[in-house]
Amino acid sequence: MHIAIAGNIGSGKTTLTRMLAHHYGWEARYEKVLNNPYLEDYYRDIARWSFALEVYFLKERFRDNIDISHADHTIIQDRSIHEGVHVFTRNNYEQGNLSERDYTTYMELFEQMTSIVGYPDLMIYLRASVPHLVRNIQKRGRDYEQAIPLDYLAGLNQHYDDFIFRHYPAKVLTIDKDSLDFENNPSHFAQIVDRIDHQLYGLFDFHSEKTEK
């Protein structure tokens, strides 16, 4: 089974991935942030490095998806190939950080890749406001993230909602992150686990979980 955690920068994806992997005994696959050869350059000059970074992430996520498709156990993935493209790459294109030529080339590559890999069995979307994201980004203190423009985060949030609620065709569990501290509050984490159990193992109408609030 393939579980994916979706959400903006600072939404808590990596933390929830780690906690759920530990709780269920799943294998965790994390987004390639540490030792990423482009990330610091990207945040210093987003327009200059967008294409290189997006292709790098696409390559890494595609490799993960191939591995997941052949696995005989459950894998939980920190950000999927689908949101990477339809949220982050599209946001960079619409904000002028990717040229029409580069965006067209990138999307053709993505379409060839997704003809091979499918959708996760469940996507868990951590939905968070920009102020909440900013607080978390400041708290974790990665130097290269501190200068992320607010309109960049806001654009990503808009694309996430549009993608999840209007275009994504598979099963989604939406979690409003602003009101939860699942890392430090066991009852909040238990609420999430209960909802995942309903999705994966019980009778439950997932459409009510996906509806935009």
N, C-alpha and C. Protein backbone atom coordinates (compact mmCIF):
# COMPACT_ATOMS: atom_id res chain seq x y z
N MET A 1 0.84 -1.19 0.00
CA MET A 1 0.00 0.00 0.00
C MET A 1 0.89 1.25 0.00
N HIS A 2 0.38 2.30 -0.66
CA HIS A 2 1.12 3.55 -0.82
C HIS A 2 0.33 4.67 -0.16
N ILE A 3 0.90 5.28 0.88
CA ILE A 3 0.31 6.42 1.56
C ILE A 3 1.19 7.64 1.28
N ALA A 4 0.59 8.78 0.97
CA ALA A 4 1.36 10.00 0.73
C ALA A 4 0.89 11.11 1.66
N ILE A 5 1.83 11.88 2.16
CA ILE A 5 1.52 13.06 2.98
C ILE A 5 1.75 14.29 2.13
N ALA A 6 0.69 15.08 1.95
CA ALA A 6 0.75 16.30 1.13
C ALA A 6 0.65 17.53 2.03
N GLY A 7 1.27 18.62 1.60
CA GLY A 7 1.15 19.85 2.36
C GLY A 7 2.26 20.82 2.03
N ASN A 8 1.99 22.08 2.31
CA ASN A 8 2.91 23.17 1.99
C ASN A 8 4.17 23.09 2.85
N ILE A 9 5.14 23.93 2.52
CA ILE A 9 6.38 24.04 3.30
C ILE A 9 6.02 24.47 4.72
N GLY A 10 6.47 23.70 5.71
CA GLY A 10 6.19 24.05 7.10
C GLY A 10 4.88 23.52 7.63
N SER A 11 4.19 22.68 6.88
CA SER A 11 2.90 22.15 7.34
C SER A 11 3.03 20.98 8.30
N GLY A 12 4.22 20.38 8.38
CA GLY A 12 4.43 19.25 9.29
C GLY A 12 4.43 17.90 8.61
N LYS A 13 4.63 17.88 7.29
CA LYS A 13 4.61 16.62 6.54
C LYS A 13 5.63 15.62 7.04
N THR A 14 6.87 16.07 7.16
CA THR A 14 7.95 15.15 7.54
C THR A 14 7.72 14.59 8.94
N THR A 15 7.27 15.44 9.87
CA THR A 15 6.99 14.98 11.23
C THR A 15 5.88 13.95 11.24
N LEU A 16 4.80 14.22 10.51
CA LEU A 16 3.68 13.26 10.48
C LEU A 16 4.09 11.98 9.78
N THR A 17 4.89 12.08 8.73
CA THR A 17 5.39 10.87 8.05
C THR A 17 6.16 9.99 9.04
N ARG A 18 7.06 10.62 9.79
CA ARG A 18 7.86 9.87 10.76
C ARG A 18 6.98 9.23 11.84
N MET A 19 6.02 9.98 12.36
CA MET A 19 5.18 9.48 13.45
C MET A 19 4.27 8.35 12.98
N LEU A 20 3.70 8.48 11.79
CA LEU A 20 2.82 7.42 11.27
C LEU A 20 3.62 6.18 10.90
N ALA A 21 4.81 6.36 10.36
CA ALA A 21 5.65 5.20 10.05
C ALA A 21 5.96 4.43 11.32
N HIS A 22 6.27 5.14 12.39
CA HIS A 22 6.56 4.49 13.66
C HIS A 22 5.31 3.81 14.23
N HIS A 23 4.17 4.48 14.17
CA HIS A 23 2.93 3.95 14.75
C HIS A 23 2.48 2.67 14.03
N TYR A 24 2.49 2.70 12.70
CA TYR A 24 1.95 1.57 11.94
C TYR A 24 3.01 0.54 11.53
N GLY A 25 4.29 0.89 11.70
CA GLY A 25 5.33 0.00 11.23
C GLY A 25 5.54 0.07 9.73
N TRP A 26 5.20 1.21 9.14
CA TRP A 26 5.38 1.40 7.71
C TRP A 26 6.79 1.88 7.41
N GLU A 27 7.24 1.67 6.17
CA GLU A 27 8.49 2.25 5.70
C GLU A 27 8.25 3.70 5.30
N ALA A 28 9.13 4.59 5.71
CA ALA A 28 9.00 6.01 5.37
C ALA A 28 9.96 6.37 4.24
N ARG A 29 9.46 7.15 3.30
CA ARG A 29 10.29 7.73 2.24
C ARG A 29 10.18 9.25 2.35
N TYR A 30 11.31 9.91 2.57
CA TYR A 30 11.31 11.34 2.82
C TYR A 30 11.73 12.12 1.59
N GLU A 31 11.20 13.34 1.50
CA GLU A 31 11.59 14.23 0.42
C GLU A 31 13.08 14.53 0.52
N LYS A 32 13.74 14.62 -0.63
CA LYS A 32 15.19 14.81 -0.67
C LYS A 32 15.52 16.29 -0.39
N VAL A 33 15.64 16.62 0.91
CA VAL A 33 15.98 17.97 1.31
C VAL A 33 17.44 18.04 1.75
N LEU A 34 17.84 17.16 2.66
CA LEU A 34 19.24 17.11 3.06
C LEU A 34 20.10 16.65 1.88
N ASN A 35 21.22 17.29 1.70
CA ASN A 35 22.14 16.97 0.61
C ASN A 35 21.54 17.21 -0.77
N ASN A 36 20.49 18.02 -0.82
CA ASN A 36 19.92 18.39 -2.12
C ASN A 36 20.87 19.40 -2.79
N PRO A 37 21.34 19.12 -4.00
CA PRO A 37 22.36 19.98 -4.61
C PRO A 37 21.84 21.32 -5.12
N TYR A 38 20.51 21.53 -5.12
CA TYR A 38 19.94 22.74 -5.69
C TYR A 38 19.20 23.62 -4.69
N LEU A 39 18.82 23.10 -3.53
CA LEU A 39 17.84 23.77 -2.69
C LEU A 39 18.29 25.15 -2.19
N GLU A 40 19.50 25.25 -1.69
CA GLU A 40 19.96 26.54 -1.18
C GLU A 40 20.08 27.56 -2.31
N ASP A 41 20.59 27.14 -3.47
CA ASP A 41 20.66 28.04 -4.62
C ASP A 41 19.26 28.48 -5.04
N TYR A 42 18.32 27.55 -4.96
CA TYR A 42 16.94 27.85 -5.37
C TYR A 42 16.34 28.97 -4.53
N TYR A 43 16.48 28.89 -3.22
CA TYR A 43 15.88 29.92 -2.37
C TYR A 43 16.63 31.26 -2.45
N ARG A 44 17.88 31.23 -2.91
CA ARG A 44 18.61 32.49 -3.14
C ARG A 44 18.16 33.16 -4.44
N ASP A 45 17.80 32.33 -5.43
CA ASP A 45 17.40 32.87 -6.74
C ASP A 45 16.42 31.88 -7.37
N ILE A 46 15.14 32.03 -7.01
CA ILE A 46 14.12 31.06 -7.40
C ILE A 46 14.00 30.96 -8.92
N ALA A 47 13.97 32.09 -9.60
CA ALA A 47 13.80 32.06 -11.05
C ALA A 47 14.97 31.35 -11.75
N ARG A 48 16.16 31.58 -11.25
CA ARG A 48 17.35 30.98 -11.88
C ARG A 48 17.38 29.47 -11.73
N TRP A 49 16.94 28.96 -10.59
CA TRP A 49 17.14 27.55 -10.29
C TRP A 49 15.86 26.71 -10.29
N SER A 50 14.73 27.30 -10.66
CA SER A 50 13.47 26.55 -10.61
C SER A 50 13.47 25.29 -11.46
N PHE A 51 13.89 25.43 -12.70
CA PHE A 51 13.82 24.27 -13.60
C PHE A 51 14.71 23.14 -13.10
N ALA A 52 15.93 23.48 -12.69
CA ALA A 52 16.86 22.44 -12.21
C ALA A 52 16.31 21.75 -10.96
N LEU A 53 15.78 22.53 -10.01
CA LEU A 53 15.25 21.93 -8.79
C LEU A 53 14.04 21.07 -9.08
N GLU A 54 13.12 21.56 -9.91
CA GLU A 54 11.91 20.79 -10.19
C GLU A 54 12.23 19.47 -10.89
N VAL A 55 13.17 19.49 -11.81
CA VAL A 55 13.57 18.25 -12.49
C VAL A 55 14.22 17.29 -11.51
N TYR A 56 15.03 17.83 -10.61
CA TYR A 56 15.68 16.98 -9.61
C TYR A 56 14.63 16.29 -8.73
N PHE A 57 13.66 17.05 -8.21
CA PHE A 57 12.63 16.45 -7.38
C PHE A 57 11.79 15.45 -8.17
N LEU A 58 11.49 15.77 -9.41
CA LEU A 58 10.70 14.85 -10.24
C LEU A 58 11.43 13.53 -10.41
N LYS A 59 12.72 13.60 -10.65
CA LYS A 59 13.53 12.39 -10.81
C LYS A 59 13.53 11.55 -9.54
N GLU A 60 13.70 12.21 -8.39
CA GLU A 60 13.73 11.50 -7.12
C GLU A 60 12.37 10.86 -6.80
N ARG A 61 11.28 11.59 -7.02
CA ARG A 61 9.95 11.06 -6.70
C ARG A 61 9.56 9.93 -7.65
N PHE A 62 9.96 10.04 -8.90
CA PHE A 62 9.67 8.97 -9.85
C PHE A 62 10.40 7.69 -9.44
N ARG A 63 11.64 7.83 -9.03
CA ARG A 63 12.40 6.66 -8.56
C ARG A 63 11.72 6.03 -7.34
N ASP A 64 11.26 6.88 -6.41
CA ASP A 64 10.53 6.36 -5.25
C ASP A 64 9.26 5.63 -5.68
N ASN A 65 8.52 6.21 -6.62
CA ASN A 65 7.27 5.58 -7.05
C ASN A 65 7.50 4.23 -7.71
N ILE A 66 8.58 4.10 -8.46
CA ILE A 66 8.90 2.80 -9.07
C ILE A 66 9.18 1.78 -7.97
N ASP A 67 9.97 2.18 -6.97
CA ASP A 67 10.25 1.29 -5.85
C ASP A 67 8.97 0.91 -5.10
N ILE A 68 8.11 1.90 -4.85
CA ILE A 68 6.86 1.65 -4.12
C ILE A 68 5.98 0.68 -4.89
N SER A 69 5.92 0.81 -6.20
CA SER A 69 5.05 -0.05 -7.01
C SER A 69 5.48 -1.51 -6.95
N HIS A 70 6.76 -1.76 -6.61
CA HIS A 70 7.25 -3.14 -6.53
C HIS A 70 7.35 -3.64 -5.09
N ALA A 71 6.99 -2.81 -4.12
CA ALA A 71 7.13 -3.19 -2.71
C ALA A 71 6.02 -4.14 -2.29
N ASP A 72 6.34 -4.99 -1.33
CA ASP A 72 5.35 -5.94 -0.79
C ASP A 72 4.90 -5.52 0.61
N HIS A 73 5.11 -4.25 0.95
CA HIS A 73 4.74 -3.73 2.26
C HIS A 73 4.28 -2.28 2.08
N THR A 74 3.73 -1.69 3.12
CA THR A 74 3.21 -0.33 3.04
C THR A 74 4.35 0.69 3.16
N ILE A 75 4.33 1.67 2.27
CA ILE A 75 5.30 2.76 2.28
C ILE A 75 4.55 4.08 2.40
N ILE A 76 5.01 4.93 3.30
CA ILE A 76 4.44 6.27 3.46
C ILE A 76 5.45 7.27 2.92
N GLN A 77 4.98 8.16 2.06
CA GLN A 77 5.86 9.05 1.29
C GLN A 77 5.61 10.51 1.68
N ASP A 78 6.69 11.21 1.96
CA ASP A 78 6.66 12.63 2.28
C ASP A 78 6.63 13.41 0.96
N ARG A 79 5.44 13.82 0.55
CA ARG A 79 5.11 14.53 -0.69
C ARG A 79 5.14 13.61 -1.91
N SER A 80 4.08 13.66 -2.68
CA SER A 80 3.93 12.79 -3.85
C SER A 80 4.41 13.48 -5.12
N ILE A 81 4.60 12.69 -6.15
CA ILE A 81 5.01 13.22 -7.45
C ILE A 81 3.93 14.13 -8.03
N HIS A 82 2.66 13.85 -7.69
CA HIS A 82 1.54 14.60 -8.28
C HIS A 82 1.47 16.03 -7.74
N GLU A 83 1.58 16.20 -6.43
CA GLU A 83 1.53 17.56 -5.89
C GLU A 83 2.81 18.33 -6.23
N GLY A 84 3.93 17.60 -6.31
CA GLY A 84 5.15 18.26 -6.70
C GLY A 84 5.00 18.99 -8.02
N VAL A 85 4.27 18.36 -8.95
CA VAL A 85 4.08 18.95 -10.27
C VAL A 85 2.93 19.95 -10.29
N HIS A 86 1.74 19.50 -9.85
CA HIS A 86 0.54 20.32 -10.01
C HIS A 86 0.46 21.48 -9.01
N VAL A 87 1.28 21.44 -7.98
CA VAL A 87 1.30 22.54 -7.01
C VAL A 87 2.58 23.37 -7.17
N PHE A 88 3.73 22.75 -6.93
CA PHE A 88 4.98 23.51 -6.88
C PHE A 88 5.44 23.96 -8.26
N THR A 89 5.46 23.05 -9.21
CA THR A 89 5.93 23.44 -10.54
C THR A 89 4.96 24.42 -11.19
N ARG A 90 3.68 24.17 -11.05
CA ARG A 90 2.70 25.10 -11.64
C ARG A 90 2.79 26.48 -10.98
N ASN A 91 2.99 26.51 -9.67
CA ASN A 91 3.13 27.79 -8.99
C ASN A 91 4.35 28.55 -9.52
N ASN A 92 5.45 27.86 -9.70
CA ASN A 92 6.64 28.52 -10.24
C ASN A 92 6.40 29.04 -11.66
N TYR A 93 5.67 28.27 -12.44
CA TYR A 93 5.36 28.70 -13.80
C TYR A 93 4.48 29.95 -13.78
N GLU A 94 3.44 29.94 -12.97
CA GLU A 94 2.50 31.06 -12.95
C GLU A 94 3.12 32.31 -12.33
N GLN A 95 4.11 32.14 -11.46
CA GLN A 95 4.78 33.30 -10.87
C GLN A 95 5.96 33.78 -11.73
N GLY A 96 6.13 33.18 -12.90
CA GLY A 96 7.15 33.64 -13.83
C GLY A 96 8.53 33.08 -13.58
N ASN A 97 8.62 32.04 -12.76
CA ASN A 97 9.93 31.46 -12.45
C ASN A 97 10.33 30.35 -13.41
N LEU A 98 9.40 29.92 -14.26
CA LEU A 98 9.69 28.93 -15.29
C LEU A 98 9.19 29.50 -16.62
N SER A 99 10.01 29.36 -17.63
CA SER A 99 9.60 29.81 -18.96
C SER A 99 8.57 28.84 -19.56
N GLU A 100 7.87 29.31 -20.57
CA GLU A 100 6.90 28.45 -21.27
C GLU A 100 7.61 27.22 -21.84
N ARG A 101 8.79 27.40 -22.40
CA ARG A 101 9.55 26.29 -22.99
C ARG A 101 9.93 25.26 -21.93
N ASP A 102 10.47 25.72 -20.80
CA ASP A 102 10.87 24.79 -19.74
C ASP A 102 9.66 24.08 -19.14
N TYR A 103 8.57 24.82 -18.94
CA TYR A 103 7.37 24.22 -18.36
C TYR A 103 6.79 23.14 -19.28
N THR A 104 6.76 23.42 -20.57
CA THR A 104 6.24 22.44 -21.53
C THR A 104 7.10 21.18 -21.54
N THR A 105 8.40 21.35 -21.54
CA THR A 105 9.31 20.19 -21.51
C THR A 105 9.11 19.38 -20.24
N TYR A 106 9.02 20.08 -19.13
CA TYR A 106 8.85 19.42 -17.84
C TYR A 106 7.54 18.63 -17.80
N MET A 107 6.44 19.22 -18.26
CA MET A 107 5.14 18.54 -18.21
C MET A 107 5.10 17.33 -19.13
N GLU A 108 5.79 17.41 -20.25
CA GLU A 108 5.85 16.24 -21.14
C GLU A 108 6.60 15.10 -20.45
N LEU A 109 7.67 15.43 -19.75
CA LEU A 109 8.41 14.41 -19.00
C LEU A 109 7.54 13.81 -17.89
N PHE A 110 6.83 14.66 -17.16
CA PHE A 110 5.95 14.19 -16.10
C PHE A 110 4.86 13.27 -16.65
N GLU A 111 4.25 13.63 -17.75
CA GLU A 111 3.18 12.81 -18.33
C GLU A 111 3.69 11.44 -18.75
N GLN A 112 4.92 11.38 -19.26
CA GLN A 112 5.50 10.08 -19.61
C GLN A 112 5.72 9.24 -18.35
N MET A 113 6.18 9.88 -17.28
CA MET A 113 6.41 9.16 -16.03
C MET A 113 5.11 8.64 -15.42
N THR A 114 4.07 9.48 -15.41
CA THR A 114 2.81 9.08 -14.76
C THR A 114 2.00 8.11 -15.60
N SER A 115 2.44 7.84 -16.81
CA SER A 115 1.82 6.76 -17.57
C SER A 115 2.28 5.41 -17.03
N ILE A 116 3.31 5.44 -16.20
CA ILE A 116 3.89 4.21 -15.62
C ILE A 116 3.45 4.03 -14.17
N VAL A 117 3.39 5.12 -13.40
CA VAL A 117 3.05 5.03 -11.97
C VAL A 117 1.65 5.55 -11.74
N GLY A 118 0.98 5.02 -10.69
CA GLY A 118 -0.38 5.43 -10.39
C GLY A 118 -0.46 6.40 -9.23
N TYR A 119 -1.66 6.46 -8.64
CA TYR A 119 -1.90 7.35 -7.50
C TYR A 119 -1.73 6.58 -6.19
N PRO A 120 -1.41 7.29 -5.11
CA PRO A 120 -1.36 6.64 -3.79
C PRO A 120 -2.73 6.06 -3.42
N ASP A 121 -2.70 5.04 -2.57
CA ASP A 121 -3.96 4.48 -2.05
C ASP A 121 -4.68 5.48 -1.16
N LEU A 122 -3.92 6.34 -0.49
CA LEU A 122 -4.49 7.40 0.32
C LEU A 122 -3.51 8.57 0.36
N MET A 123 -4.03 9.78 0.10
CA MET A 123 -3.25 10.99 0.28
C MET A 123 -3.80 11.72 1.50
N ILE A 124 -2.92 12.08 2.43
CA ILE A 124 -3.28 12.84 3.62
C ILE A 124 -2.80 14.27 3.41
N TYR A 125 -3.76 15.20 3.32
CA TYR A 125 -3.45 16.59 3.01
C TYR A 125 -3.47 17.41 4.28
N LEU A 126 -2.29 17.93 4.67
CA LEU A 126 -2.16 18.83 5.82
C LEU A 126 -2.40 20.26 5.33
N ARG A 127 -3.56 20.79 5.65
CA ARG A 127 -3.95 22.12 5.18
C ARG A 127 -3.64 23.14 6.28
N ALA A 128 -2.84 24.15 5.95
CA ALA A 128 -2.40 25.12 6.96
C ALA A 128 -2.41 26.52 6.37
N SER A 129 -2.71 27.50 7.22
CA SER A 129 -2.70 28.90 6.80
C SER A 129 -1.26 29.39 6.67
N VAL A 130 -1.09 30.50 5.94
CA VAL A 130 0.25 31.06 5.77
C VAL A 130 0.88 31.46 7.11
N PRO A 131 0.15 32.13 8.04
CA PRO A 131 0.78 32.44 9.34
C PRO A 131 1.26 31.20 10.08
N HIS A 132 0.50 30.13 10.00
CA HIS A 132 0.92 28.87 10.65
C HIS A 132 2.19 28.33 10.00
N LEU A 133 2.24 28.38 8.67
CA LEU A 133 3.42 27.91 7.96
C LEU A 133 4.65 28.73 8.34
N VAL A 134 4.48 30.04 8.40
CA VAL A 134 5.60 30.93 8.73
C VAL A 134 6.13 30.63 10.13
N ARG A 135 5.24 30.43 11.08
CA ARG A 135 5.68 30.11 12.45
C ARG A 135 6.51 28.83 12.47
N ASN A 136 6.06 27.82 11.74
CA ASN A 136 6.80 26.55 11.72
C ASN A 136 8.13 26.68 11.00
N ILE A 137 8.15 27.44 9.92
CA ILE A 137 9.41 27.65 9.18
C ILE A 137 10.42 28.37 10.06
N GLN A 138 9.97 29.38 10.79
CA GLN A 138 10.86 30.11 11.69
C GLN A 138 11.33 29.21 12.82
N LYS A 139 10.45 28.37 13.32
CA LYS A 139 10.77 27.50 14.44
C LYS A 139 11.85 26.49 14.08
N ARG A 140 11.77 25.90 12.89
CA ARG A 140 12.77 24.88 12.56
C ARG A 140 14.09 25.48 12.10
N GLY A 141 14.10 26.74 11.69
CA GLY A 141 15.32 27.50 11.57
C GLY A 141 16.26 27.12 10.45
N ARG A 142 15.76 26.60 9.34
CA ARG A 142 16.64 26.37 8.20
C ARG A 142 16.96 27.72 7.56
N ASP A 143 18.23 28.06 7.49
CA ASP A 143 18.63 29.39 7.04
C ASP A 143 18.06 29.72 5.66
N TYR A 144 18.12 28.77 4.74
CA TYR A 144 17.72 29.06 3.36
C TYR A 144 16.22 29.24 3.22
N GLU A 145 15.42 28.85 4.24
CA GLU A 145 13.96 29.01 4.16
C GLU A 145 13.48 30.34 4.73
N GLN A 146 14.32 31.03 5.48
CA GLN A 146 13.85 32.19 6.23
C GLN A 146 13.43 33.36 5.33
N ALA A 147 13.91 33.38 4.11
CA ALA A 147 13.57 34.49 3.21
C ALA A 147 12.52 34.10 2.17
N ILE A 148 11.81 33.00 2.39
CA ILE A 148 10.76 32.61 1.45
C ILE A 148 9.69 33.71 1.41
N PRO A 149 9.36 34.25 0.23
CA PRO A 149 8.34 35.30 0.15
C PRO A 149 6.96 34.79 0.57
N LEU A 150 6.20 35.65 1.24
CA LEU A 150 4.85 35.26 1.68
C LEU A 150 3.94 34.96 0.49
N ASP A 151 4.12 35.70 -0.62
CA ASP A 151 3.25 35.44 -1.77
C ASP A 151 3.57 34.10 -2.41
N TYR A 152 4.79 33.63 -2.23
CA TYR A 152 5.15 32.29 -2.71
C TYR A 152 4.39 31.23 -1.92
N LEU A 153 4.38 31.34 -0.59
CA LEU A 153 3.63 30.40 0.24
C LEU A 153 2.13 30.49 -0.03
N ALA A 154 1.62 31.71 -0.19
CA ALA A 154 0.20 31.89 -0.46
C ALA A 154 -0.18 31.27 -1.80
N GLY A 155 0.68 31.44 -2.79
CA GLY A 155 0.41 30.83 -4.10
C GLY A 155 0.38 29.32 -4.02
N LEU A 156 1.30 28.75 -3.25
CA LEU A 156 1.29 27.29 -3.06
C LEU A 156 0.01 26.83 -2.39
N ASN A 157 -0.45 27.56 -1.37
CA ASN A 157 -1.69 27.19 -0.70
C ASN A 157 -2.88 27.20 -1.67
N GLN A 158 -2.95 28.22 -2.51
CA GLN A 158 -4.04 28.29 -3.48
C GLN A 158 -3.99 27.11 -4.44
N HIS A 159 -2.80 26.76 -4.88
CA HIS A 159 -2.66 25.64 -5.81
C HIS A 159 -2.97 24.31 -5.12
N TYR A 160 -2.59 24.18 -3.85
CA TYR A 160 -2.94 22.96 -3.12
C TYR A 160 -4.44 22.77 -3.05
N ASP A 161 -5.17 23.80 -2.65
CA ASP A 161 -6.62 23.68 -2.54
C ASP A 161 -7.26 23.38 -3.90
N ASP A 162 -6.79 24.06 -4.93
CA ASP A 162 -7.34 23.83 -6.26
C ASP A 162 -7.08 22.40 -6.71
N PHE A 163 -5.85 21.93 -6.49
CA PHE A 163 -5.50 20.58 -6.91
C PHE A 163 -6.26 19.52 -6.12
N ILE A 164 -6.24 19.64 -4.80
CA ILE A 164 -6.85 18.61 -3.96
C ILE A 164 -8.36 18.58 -4.12
N PHE A 165 -9.01 19.73 -4.08
CA PHE A 165 -10.46 19.77 -4.03
C PHE A 165 -11.13 19.76 -5.40
N ARG A 166 -10.39 20.08 -6.47
CA ARG A 166 -11.03 20.21 -7.78
C ARG A 166 -10.47 19.28 -8.85
N HIS A 167 -9.25 18.77 -8.66
CA HIS A 167 -8.64 18.02 -9.76
C HIS A 167 -8.11 16.64 -9.37
N TYR A 168 -7.76 16.44 -8.13
CA TYR A 168 -7.15 15.16 -7.75
C TYR A 168 -8.22 14.07 -7.75
N PRO A 169 -8.02 12.96 -8.49
CA PRO A 169 -9.08 11.98 -8.67
C PRO A 169 -9.12 10.85 -7.65
N ALA A 170 -8.15 10.78 -6.75
CA ALA A 170 -8.06 9.62 -5.87
C ALA A 170 -8.45 10.00 -4.43
N LYS A 171 -8.27 9.07 -3.51
CA LYS A 171 -8.75 9.21 -2.13
C LYS A 171 -7.88 10.17 -1.33
N VAL A 172 -8.54 11.12 -0.64
CA VAL A 172 -7.85 12.13 0.15
C VAL A 172 -8.47 12.25 1.53
N LEU A 173 -7.62 12.38 2.54
CA LEU A 173 -8.03 12.72 3.90
C LEU A 173 -7.44 14.10 4.21
N THR A 174 -8.30 15.10 4.41
CA THR A 174 -7.85 16.47 4.68
C THR A 174 -7.81 16.72 6.19
N ILE A 175 -6.68 17.22 6.65
CA ILE A 175 -6.49 17.54 8.07
C ILE A 175 -6.16 19.02 8.19
N ASP A 176 -6.99 19.77 8.91
CA ASP A 176 -6.73 21.19 9.14
C ASP A 176 -5.67 21.32 10.23
N LYS A 177 -4.48 21.69 9.82
CA LYS A 177 -3.32 21.65 10.71
C LYS A 177 -3.30 22.77 11.74
N ASP A 178 -3.90 23.92 11.45
CA ASP A 178 -3.79 25.07 12.35
C ASP A 178 -4.25 24.75 13.76
N SER A 179 -5.25 23.88 13.88
CA SER A 179 -5.84 23.60 15.20
C SER A 179 -5.23 22.37 15.88
N LEU A 180 -4.21 21.78 15.26
CA LEU A 180 -3.64 20.55 15.79
C LEU A 180 -2.14 20.69 16.06
N ASP A 181 -1.70 20.06 17.14
CA ASP A 181 -0.27 19.95 17.45
C ASP A 181 0.01 18.46 17.68
N PHE A 182 -0.02 17.69 16.59
CA PHE A 182 0.08 16.24 16.73
C PHE A 182 1.46 15.78 17.21
N GLU A 183 2.46 16.64 17.05
CA GLU A 183 3.79 16.25 17.51
C GLU A 183 3.88 16.24 19.03
N ASN A 184 3.22 17.17 19.70
CA ASN A 184 3.34 17.32 21.15
C ASN A 184 2.10 16.96 21.93
N ASN A 185 0.98 16.76 21.24
CA ASN A 185 -0.27 16.44 21.91
C ASN A 185 -0.74 15.05 21.47
N PRO A 186 -0.60 14.03 22.33
CA PRO A 186 -0.97 12.66 21.93
C PRO A 186 -2.42 12.53 21.50
N SER A 187 -3.32 13.30 22.09
CA SER A 187 -4.73 13.19 21.71
C SER A 187 -4.96 13.70 20.29
N HIS A 188 -4.20 14.70 19.86
CA HIS A 188 -4.32 15.19 18.50
C HIS A 188 -3.80 14.14 17.51
N PHE A 189 -2.71 13.51 17.85
CA PHE A 189 -2.19 12.45 16.98
C PHE A 189 -3.17 11.28 16.93
N ALA A 190 -3.78 10.95 18.06
CA ALA A 190 -4.76 9.86 18.09
C ALA A 190 -5.96 10.16 17.20
N GLN A 191 -6.37 11.42 17.14
CA GLN A 191 -7.48 11.80 16.25
C GLN A 191 -7.13 11.50 14.80
N ILE A 192 -5.90 11.82 14.42
CA ILE A 192 -5.47 11.56 13.04
C ILE A 192 -5.43 10.07 12.76
N VAL A 193 -4.89 9.30 13.69
CA VAL A 193 -4.82 7.85 13.52
C VAL A 193 -6.21 7.26 13.38
N ASP A 194 -7.16 7.72 14.18
CA ASP A 194 -8.53 7.22 14.08
C ASP A 194 -9.11 7.48 12.69
N ARG A 195 -8.86 8.65 12.15
CA ARG A 195 -9.39 8.98 10.83
C ARG A 195 -8.71 8.16 9.73
N ILE A 196 -7.43 7.91 9.89
CA ILE A 196 -6.73 7.06 8.92
C ILE A 196 -7.25 5.63 8.99
N ASP A 197 -7.46 5.13 10.21
CA ASP A 197 -8.00 3.78 10.37
C ASP A 197 -9.36 3.65 9.68
N HIS A 198 -10.21 4.67 9.82
CA HIS A 198 -11.51 4.65 9.14
C HIS A 198 -11.33 4.58 7.63
N GLN A 199 -10.38 5.36 7.12
CA GLN A 199 -10.16 5.39 5.68
C GLN A 199 -9.64 4.06 5.15
N LEU A 200 -8.69 3.48 5.87
CA LEU A 200 -8.00 2.30 5.35
C LEU A 200 -8.69 0.99 5.70
N TYR A 201 -9.34 0.95 6.86
CA TYR A 201 -9.81 -0.35 7.36
C TYR A 201 -11.30 -0.38 7.70
N GLY A 202 -11.99 0.76 7.63
CA GLY A 202 -13.40 0.78 8.00
C GLY A 202 -14.28 1.27 6.87
N LEU A 203 -15.59 1.20 7.09
CA LEU A 203 -16.54 1.72 6.14
C LEU A 203 -16.67 3.22 6.37
N PHE A 204 -16.32 4.00 5.34
CA PHE A 204 -16.29 5.45 5.55
C PHE A 204 -16.42 6.13 4.21
N ASP A 205 -17.20 7.21 4.15
CA ASP A 205 -17.38 7.98 2.92
C ASP A 205 -16.27 9.01 2.81
N PHE A 206 -15.22 8.69 2.03
CA PHE A 206 -14.06 9.57 1.99
C PHE A 206 -14.37 10.91 1.33
N HIS A 207 -15.44 11.01 0.54
CA HIS A 207 -15.75 12.29 -0.13
C HIS A 207 -16.01 13.39 0.89
N SER A 208 -16.57 13.03 2.04
CA SER A 208 -16.80 14.04 3.06
C SER A 208 -15.50 14.55 3.67
N GLU A 209 -14.43 13.75 3.58
CA GLU A 209 -13.13 14.15 4.10
C GLU A 209 -12.43 15.11 3.15
N LYS A 210 -12.77 15.03 1.87
CA LYS A 210 -12.05 15.79 0.86
C LYS A 210 -12.67 17.16 0.62
N THR A 211 -13.91 17.35 0.98
CA THR A 211 -14.64 18.55 0.64
C THR A 211 -13.98 19.79 1.23
N GLU A 212 -13.87 20.83 0.40
CA GLU A 212 -13.26 22.08 0.86
C GLU A 212 -14.12 22.73 1.92
N LYS A 213 -13.45 23.26 2.96
CA LYS A 213 -14.16 23.90 4.05
C LYS A 213 -14.12 25.42 3.91
